[in-house]
C-alpha cells in the first residue's frame, strides 16, 4: 500500500498505542500499594527533600542487595512449579509430622535465604500443598541463621554467640512447627494463602501445577516443553510483581525508621541493668532490625554499650523473623490470622531463646 492510499485510521493503528494498551500499562498505578508508595514519596519530598534523597537511595540499595537472593529464590520456586518438582517437595514435607517439621527446620537453618528472599519458596510450598506446620518451621528458622551468617557472627560478636544463635534458629523452628501442628485443624489455619496471591498464581500456573502433581510427572528439563516454560515465566512475573511492590514499600519504610529512631533509645532500654531488657529487645528488634548482616555490627556495638547477651540474642532473632520488610512480605502472602500467629511465634521463640542464653551464663 502506498503512503497516499493509507488512511489516517490505518496510520493510527500501526504507529500508535491503542487505548486498551495504554490502560493495561497504567493499570499498575491503580494498585493501592503502588499508590501508597508514590504518595509517601511525594509527601516526603515536600516535607523533607534531603531525607527523600536518602530514602530513595536506601530503597534502591536495599533492592539491589536483596536482588540476587530474591531472584535465586524465585527461579528455584518457579522451576519447581514448572518441572513438577513442587510435588516432590510437598511429599518430602508432608510425611510424619515429627520428620517433616524437623527436616524443614534444619533445611531452613542451613538455607542461604533471608527473611524476604525466602518468601517465594514459601509461596511455592503452600501452593504445592505442603502442610502449614513444616512451612512455618522453615519460615521461622530460615532467616535467623545460614552458613555465611554463622561465620560473620562468629567474627563480629563471638563463636559462642554464633552457636547460641544457631541453636535458637533450630529451637524456634521446631517450636513454631509443633505449635502449628497442634492447632492445624483449627479453622483459622485452613487455606492460609491470601486471595490475591492465590488468584495471581491460580489461573494458569497453579492449575497446571495441580495437573502435573496429579500425574506425578517430573520433567527437570522443563524448558524443552512450551507449556511448562510458560508456567515458569508466569510464576516469575506474577509472584515477582506481587512481592516486589511490597518489598519496595517495606524498604522505604525501613529507611524512615532508621532516620527517625535514635539508636540510643535501644541501648537505654535493653541494658543489662534493666529487668525487662530481653522482652524490650525482642519487641524493639521486630520493627527496627536492618538486614541480618548489617545487624551483626549493630548488635556487637550494643553489647559493648551495655546490652545484655540474652537481650542481644532476642533482638537478633526477633528482628530476623519479623523485621519490617519480612513482616510486610508475610502480611502480603498469608491471611491475617496466620500472619498474627507468625508474629506471636517469632516473638515468643525469641524470648525463650534470649532468656535461655542469658541464664546459661555462657559468654559471647
Protein backbone atom coordinates (compact mmCIF):
# COMPACT_ATOMS: atom_id res chain seq x y z
CA UNK A 1 0.00 0.00 0.00
CA UNK A 2 1.36 3.45 -0.89
CA UNK A 3 1.55 6.30 1.57
CA UNK A 4 -1.02 8.26 -0.46
CA UNK A 5 -3.64 5.50 -0.18
CA UNK A 6 -3.01 4.71 3.54
CA UNK A 7 -5.90 6.07 5.57
CA UNK A 8 -5.41 8.04 8.85
CA UNK A 9 -7.08 5.18 10.70
CA UNK A 10 -4.54 2.73 9.34
CA UNK A 11 -1.69 5.00 10.33
CA UNK A 12 -3.13 5.34 13.81
CA UNK A 13 -3.36 1.60 14.31
CA UNK A 14 0.10 0.90 13.02
CA UNK A 15 2.07 3.68 14.69
CA UNK A 16 0.38 4.46 17.99
CA UNK A 17 -0.62 2.59 21.11
CA UNK A 18 -4.29 1.78 21.32
CA UNK A 19 -6.42 2.82 24.33
CA UNK A 20 -6.59 -0.75 25.65
CA UNK A 21 -2.80 -1.00 25.57
CA UNK A 22 -2.48 2.29 27.40
CA UNK A 23 -4.97 1.20 30.04
CA UNK A 24 -3.09 -2.05 30.60
CA UNK A 25 0.15 -0.10 31.00
CA UNK A 26 -1.42 2.29 33.51
CA UNK A 27 -3.23 -0.41 35.50
CA UNK A 28 -0.29 -0.77 37.87
CA UNK A 29 -0.93 2.76 39.15
CA UNK A 30 -4.39 1.70 40.36
CA UNK A 31 -2.79 -0.72 42.80
CA UNK A 32 -3.23 0.56 46.40
CA UNK A 33 0.32 -0.47 47.33
CA UNK A 34 1.80 1.42 44.38
CA UNK A 35 -0.39 4.44 45.10
CA UNK A 36 0.67 4.44 48.75
CA UNK A 37 4.33 4.26 47.78
CA UNK A 38 4.21 7.19 45.37
CA UNK A 39 2.01 9.23 47.71
CA UNK A 40 4.51 8.66 50.53
CA UNK A 41 7.40 9.61 48.27
CA UNK A 42 5.64 12.80 47.23
CA UNK A 43 4.85 13.75 50.82
CA UNK A 44 8.41 13.11 51.95
CA UNK A 45 9.80 15.13 49.03
CA UNK A 46 7.59 18.05 50.02
CA UNK A 47 8.35 17.90 53.75
CA UNK A 48 11.98 16.80 53.81
CA UNK A 49 13.79 16.83 50.44
CA UNK A 50 17.09 15.71 51.97
CA UNK A 51 15.51 12.64 53.57
CA UNK A 52 13.68 11.97 50.31
CA UNK A 53 17.02 11.57 48.54
CA UNK A 54 18.39 9.41 51.34
CA UNK A 55 15.31 7.18 51.43
CA UNK A 56 15.24 6.68 47.68
CA UNK A 57 18.92 5.73 47.69
CA UNK A 58 18.41 3.40 50.66
CA UNK A 59 15.45 1.70 48.98
CA UNK A 60 17.33 1.22 45.72
CA UNK A 61 20.43 -0.06 47.52
CA UNK A 62 18.33 -2.49 49.57
CA UNK A 63 16.58 -3.78 46.46
CA UNK A 64 19.91 -4.23 44.69
CA UNK A 65 21.32 -6.01 47.74
CA UNK A 66 18.46 -8.47 48.02
CA UNK A 67 18.02 -8.93 44.26
CA UNK A 68 20.43 -11.91 43.87
CA UNK A 69 18.81 -13.76 46.78
CA UNK A 70 15.31 -12.87 45.67
CA UNK A 71 15.93 -13.84 42.04
CA UNK A 72 17.56 -17.10 43.10
CA UNK A 73 14.59 -17.93 45.32
CA UNK A 74 12.09 -17.03 42.60
CA UNK A 75 13.90 -19.05 39.94
CA UNK A 76 14.02 -22.00 42.31
CA UNK A 77 10.32 -21.68 43.12
CA UNK A 78 9.27 -21.16 39.50
CA UNK A 79 11.46 -24.05 38.35
CA UNK A 80 9.93 -26.31 40.98
CA UNK A 81 6.46 -25.40 39.77
CA UNK A 82 7.25 -25.75 36.06
CA UNK A 83 9.12 -29.03 36.41
CA UNK A 84 6.63 -30.58 38.79
CA UNK A 85 9.28 -30.88 41.50
CA UNK A 86 6.98 -29.00 43.85
CA UNK A 87 5.09 -32.29 44.18
CA UNK A 88 8.29 -33.91 45.44
CA UNK A 89 8.73 -31.03 47.87
CA UNK A 90 5.18 -31.48 49.07
CA UNK A 91 5.74 -35.18 49.67
CA UNK A 92 9.06 -34.55 51.44
CA UNK A 93 7.45 -32.16 53.93
CA UNK A 94 4.09 -33.91 54.13
CA UNK A 95 5.06 -37.15 55.83
CA UNK A 96 5.07 -37.87 59.53
CA UNK A 97 4.87 -34.55 61.43
CA UNK A 98 7.96 -35.20 63.54
CA UNK A 99 10.09 -35.93 60.49
CA UNK A 100 8.58 -33.19 58.30
CA UNK A 101 8.92 -30.42 60.89
CA UNK A 102 12.46 -31.44 61.86
CA UNK A 103 13.57 -31.68 58.22
CA UNK A 104 12.00 -28.31 57.39
CA UNK A 105 13.64 -26.67 60.41
CA UNK A 106 17.11 -27.97 59.56
CA UNK A 107 16.66 -27.08 55.90
CA UNK A 108 15.65 -23.57 56.91
CA UNK A 109 18.57 -23.07 59.30
CA UNK A 110 21.04 -24.18 56.63
CA UNK A 111 19.50 -22.32 53.68
CA UNK A 112 21.14 -19.11 52.42
CA UNK A 113 17.89 -17.16 52.13
CA UNK A 114 16.99 -14.10 54.18
CA UNK A 115 13.55 -13.35 55.64
CA UNK A 116 12.43 -11.68 52.39
CA UNK A 117 14.21 -13.90 49.88
CA UNK A 118 12.55 -16.98 51.34
CA UNK A 119 9.04 -15.68 50.58
CA UNK A 120 8.84 -17.13 47.01
CA UNK A 121 9.88 -20.52 48.36
CA UNK A 122 7.15 -20.34 50.98
CA UNK A 123 4.62 -19.39 48.32
CA UNK A 124 5.71 -22.38 46.24
CA UNK A 125 5.45 -24.74 49.23
CA UNK A 126 1.96 -23.57 50.14
CA UNK A 127 0.82 -23.75 46.52
CA UNK A 128 2.21 -27.28 46.30
CA UNK A 129 0.13 -28.37 49.28
CA UNK A 130 2.86 -28.59 51.91
CA UNK A 131 1.21 -28.52 55.37
CA UNK A 132 1.48 -25.26 57.26
CA UNK A 133 3.38 -26.77 60.21
CA UNK A 134 6.63 -27.63 58.35
CA UNK A 135 6.25 -24.48 56.25
CA UNK A 136 6.11 -22.38 59.43
CA UNK A 137 9.12 -24.23 60.84
CA UNK A 138 11.09 -23.44 57.69
CA UNK A 139 9.79 -19.87 57.63
CA UNK A 140 10.87 -19.14 61.20
CA UNK A 141 14.27 -20.83 61.16
CA UNK A 142 15.47 -19.76 57.71
CA UNK A 143 16.16 -16.02 58.22
CA UNK A 144 17.88 -16.44 61.60
CA UNK A 145 20.95 -18.37 60.52
CA UNK A 146 22.81 -19.61 57.45
CA UNK A 147 26.45 -20.68 56.89
CA UNK A 148 27.64 -17.21 55.88
CA UNK A 149 25.78 -15.64 58.78
CA UNK A 150 27.44 -18.08 61.19
CA UNK A 151 30.92 -17.08 60.02
CA UNK A 152 30.20 -13.35 60.18
CA UNK A 153 28.53 -13.65 63.59
CA UNK A 154 31.50 -15.59 64.95
CA UNK A 155 33.85 -12.89 63.71
CA UNK A 156 31.69 -9.92 64.65
CA UNK A 157 30.31 -10.99 68.04
CA UNK A 158 31.81 -14.30 69.09
CA UNK A 159 31.83 -18.03 68.39
CA UNK A 160 29.71 -18.93 71.41
CA UNK A 161 27.12 -16.36 70.38
CA UNK A 162 27.03 -17.81 66.85
CA UNK A 163 26.45 -21.28 68.30
CA UNK A 164 23.67 -19.91 70.51
CA UNK A 165 22.04 -18.19 67.54
CA UNK A 166 22.19 -21.41 65.51
CA UNK A 167 20.57 -23.37 68.33
CA UNK A 168 17.98 -20.61 68.67
CA UNK A 169 17.15 -20.90 64.95
CA UNK A 170 16.62 -24.64 65.24
CA UNK A 171 14.73 -24.39 68.52
CA UNK A 172 12.45 -21.61 67.27
CA UNK A 173 11.70 -23.53 64.07
CA UNK A 174 10.80 -26.69 65.97
CA UNK A 175 8.74 -24.70 68.48
CA UNK A 176 6.77 -22.93 65.74
CA UNK A 177 6.26 -26.09 63.72
CA UNK A 178 4.90 -28.18 66.57
CA UNK A 179 2.66 -25.36 67.83
CA UNK A 180 1.10 -25.06 64.38
CA UNK A 181 0.82 -28.85 64.17
CA UNK A 182 -1.11 -28.87 67.45
CA UNK A 183 -3.63 -26.36 66.07
CA UNK A 184 -3.61 -27.45 62.43
CA UNK A 185 -7.29 -28.44 62.44
CA UNK A 186 -8.45 -25.00 63.57
CA UNK A 187 -10.46 -23.10 61.01
CA UNK A 188 -8.19 -20.04 61.05
CA UNK A 189 -5.26 -22.15 59.80
CA UNK A 190 -7.13 -23.57 56.84
CA UNK A 191 -6.28 -22.18 53.37
CA UNK A 192 -3.61 -19.83 54.74
CA UNK A 193 -2.62 -18.07 51.49
CA UNK A 194 -4.11 -14.67 50.71
CA UNK A 195 -6.71 -14.42 47.96
CA UNK A 196 -4.51 -12.04 45.97
CA UNK A 197 -1.60 -14.44 45.67
CA UNK A 198 -3.97 -17.36 45.13
CA UNK A 199 -5.54 -15.57 42.21
CA UNK A 200 -2.18 -14.48 40.92
CA UNK A 201 -0.79 -17.97 40.65
CA UNK A 202 -4.04 -19.85 40.47
CA UNK A 203 -5.23 -19.03 36.97
CA UNK A 204 -2.71 -20.87 34.85
CA UNK A 205 0.44 -21.89 36.57
CA UNK A 206 -1.14 -23.25 39.70
CA UNK A 207 -3.83 -25.10 37.82
CA UNK A 208 -1.22 -26.62 35.53
CA UNK A 209 0.87 -27.48 38.55
CA UNK A 210 -2.07 -29.36 40.00
CA UNK A 211 -2.29 -31.39 36.82
CA UNK A 212 1.40 -32.13 36.92
CA UNK A 213 1.15 -33.10 40.57
CA UNK A 214 -1.77 -35.41 39.91
CA UNK A 215 0.07 -37.12 37.06
CA UNK A 216 3.22 -37.30 39.21
CA UNK A 217 5.32 -36.31 36.20
CA UNK A 218 8.58 -34.52 36.91
CA UNK A 219 10.44 -33.02 33.97
CA UNK A 220 13.70 -31.44 35.11
CA UNK A 221 14.44 -30.03 31.64
CA UNK A 222 11.09 -28.26 31.60
CA UNK A 223 12.32 -25.53 29.21
CA UNK A 224 12.04 -28.02 26.34
CA UNK A 225 8.27 -28.08 26.77
CA UNK A 226 6.48 -24.88 25.79
CA UNK A 227 3.60 -25.21 28.25
CA UNK A 228 5.92 -25.71 31.21
CA UNK A 229 8.18 -22.87 30.14
CA UNK A 230 5.06 -20.70 30.10
CA UNK A 231 4.33 -21.78 33.67
CA UNK A 232 7.86 -20.78 34.67
CA UNK A 233 7.59 -17.26 33.25
CA UNK A 234 4.05 -16.77 34.58
CA UNK A 235 5.28 -17.65 38.07
CA UNK A 236 8.25 -15.31 37.81
CA UNK A 237 6.06 -12.45 36.61
CA UNK A 238 3.14 -12.96 38.99
CA UNK A 239 4.96 -13.63 42.25
CA UNK A 240 7.80 -11.24 41.41
CA UNK A 241 5.44 -8.35 40.78
CA UNK A 242 3.26 -9.10 43.77
CA UNK A 243 6.08 -9.39 46.28
CA UNK A 244 8.37 -6.86 44.62
CA UNK A 245 5.98 -3.98 45.21
CA UNK A 246 5.58 -4.95 48.86
CA UNK A 247 9.35 -5.19 49.39
CA UNK A 248 9.86 -1.77 47.80
CA UNK A 249 7.40 -0.22 50.24
CA UNK A 250 8.94 -2.16 53.12
CA UNK A 251 12.47 -0.93 52.44
CA UNK A 252 11.20 2.63 52.05
CA UNK A 253 9.51 2.44 55.46
CA UNK A 254 12.67 0.95 56.92
CA UNK A 255 14.64 3.97 55.71
CA UNK A 256 12.26 6.28 57.56
CA UNK A 257 12.56 4.18 60.71
CA UNK A 258 16.35 4.41 60.60
CA UNK A 259 16.17 8.15 60.08
CA UNK A 260 13.78 8.93 62.91
CA UNK A 261 14.56 6.35 65.61
CA UNK A 262 17.54 7.14 67.82
CA UNK A 263 19.77 4.06 68.47
CA UNK A 264 20.48 5.43 71.95
CA UNK A 265 16.89 4.63 72.87
CA UNK A 266 17.55 0.97 72.12
CA UNK A 267 20.71 0.99 74.22
CA UNK A 268 18.98 2.62 77.21
CA UNK A 269 16.03 0.24 77.13
CA UNK A 270 17.95 -3.01 76.70
CA UNK A 271 20.91 -2.62 79.06
CA UNK A 272 21.85 -5.44 81.39
CA UNK A 273 20.56 -3.49 84.38
CA UNK A 274 17.02 -3.43 83.01
CA UNK A 275 14.94 -6.37 84.24
CA UNK A 276 12.78 -6.12 81.12
CA UNK A 277 15.74 -5.92 78.76
CA UNK A 278 15.04 -9.17 76.92
CA UNK A 279 11.31 -8.56 76.22
CA UNK A 280 12.06 -4.98 75.23
CA UNK A 281 14.90 -6.07 72.96
CA UNK A 282 12.64 -8.56 71.22
CA UNK A 283 9.84 -6.01 70.77
CA UNK A 284 12.28 -3.35 69.55
CA UNK A 285 14.07 -5.80 67.30
CA UNK A 286 10.92 -6.77 65.43
CA UNK A 287 10.42 -3.38 63.72
CA UNK A 288 13.92 -1.86 63.99
CA UNK A 289 16.01 -4.72 62.61
CA UNK A 290 18.01 -3.93 59.47
CA UNK A 291 19.23 -6.91 57.47
CA UNK A 292 20.96 -9.90 59.03
CA UNK A 293 24.46 -8.82 58.07
CA UNK A 294 24.07 -5.15 58.99
CA UNK A 295 22.60 -6.20 62.34
CA UNK A 296 25.80 -8.01 63.39
CA UNK A 297 27.95 -4.89 63.97
CA UNK A 298 24.89 -3.14 65.44
CA UNK A 299 24.39 -5.94 67.98
CA UNK A 300 28.12 -6.00 68.74
CA UNK A 301 28.11 -2.28 69.37
CA UNK A 302 25.03 -2.50 71.59
CA UNK A 303 26.66 -5.31 73.63
CA UNK A 304 29.73 -3.09 74.08
CA UNK A 305 27.43 -0.27 75.19
CA UNK A 306 25.80 -2.46 77.84
CA UNK A 307 23.12 -4.58 76.17
CA UNK A 308 22.86 -7.96 77.87
CA UNK A 309 23.75 -11.08 75.88
CA UNK A 310 20.26 -12.53 76.20
CA UNK A 311 18.78 -9.24 75.03
CA UNK A 312 21.14 -9.20 72.04
CA UNK A 313 20.06 -12.71 71.04
CA UNK A 314 16.38 -11.81 71.44
CA UNK A 315 16.96 -8.64 69.41
CA UNK A 316 18.61 -10.54 66.54
CA UNK A 317 16.23 -13.50 66.43
CA UNK A 318 13.03 -11.47 66.74
CA UNK A 319 14.31 -8.97 64.22
CA UNK A 320 15.34 -11.62 61.71
CA UNK A 321 11.90 -13.20 61.78
CA UNK A 322 9.73 -10.09 61.97
CA UNK A 323 11.59 -7.06 60.63
CA UNK A 324 9.50 -4.54 58.72
CA UNK A 325 10.37 -5.94 55.26
CA UNK A 326 9.78 -9.52 56.40
CA UNK A 327 6.55 -8.70 58.21
CA UNK A 328 5.11 -6.82 55.23
CA UNK A 329 6.09 -9.64 52.89
CA UNK A 330 4.44 -12.21 55.16
CA UNK A 331 1.36 -10.00 55.54
CA UNK A 332 1.05 -9.79 51.76
CA UNK A 333 1.24 -13.56 51.36
CA UNK A 334 -0.94 -15.11 54.08
CA UNK A 335 -4.23 -14.34 55.76
CA UNK A 336 -4.31 -12.14 58.84
CA UNK A 337 -4.76 -14.91 61.47
CA UNK A 338 -1.76 -16.79 60.05
CA UNK A 339 0.24 -13.57 59.97
CA UNK A 340 -0.64 -12.88 63.61
CA UNK A 341 0.39 -16.42 64.56
CA UNK A 342 3.70 -15.95 62.71
CA UNK A 343 4.41 -12.78 64.71
CA UNK A 344 3.45 -14.38 68.02
CA UNK A 345 5.56 -17.47 67.38
CA UNK A 346 8.55 -15.39 66.33
CA UNK A 347 8.30 -13.14 69.38
CA UNK A 348 7.70 -15.98 71.83
CA UNK A 349 10.52 -18.08 70.41
CA UNK A 350 12.96 -15.17 70.60
CA UNK A 351 12.02 -14.54 74.24
CA UNK A 352 12.62 -18.19 75.13
CA UNK A 353 15.96 -18.14 73.30
CA UNK A 354 17.01 -14.88 74.96
CA UNK A 355 16.21 -15.99 78.50
CA UNK A 356 17.79 -19.41 77.93
CA UNK A 357 21.04 -17.84 76.75
CA UNK A 358 21.03 -15.21 79.48
CA UNK A 359 20.59 -17.75 82.27
CA UNK A 360 23.14 -20.14 80.74
CA UNK A 361 25.89 -17.71 81.68
CA UNK A 362 27.92 -18.64 78.59
CA UNK A 363 30.00 -15.63 77.46
CA UNK A 364 29.86 -14.38 73.89
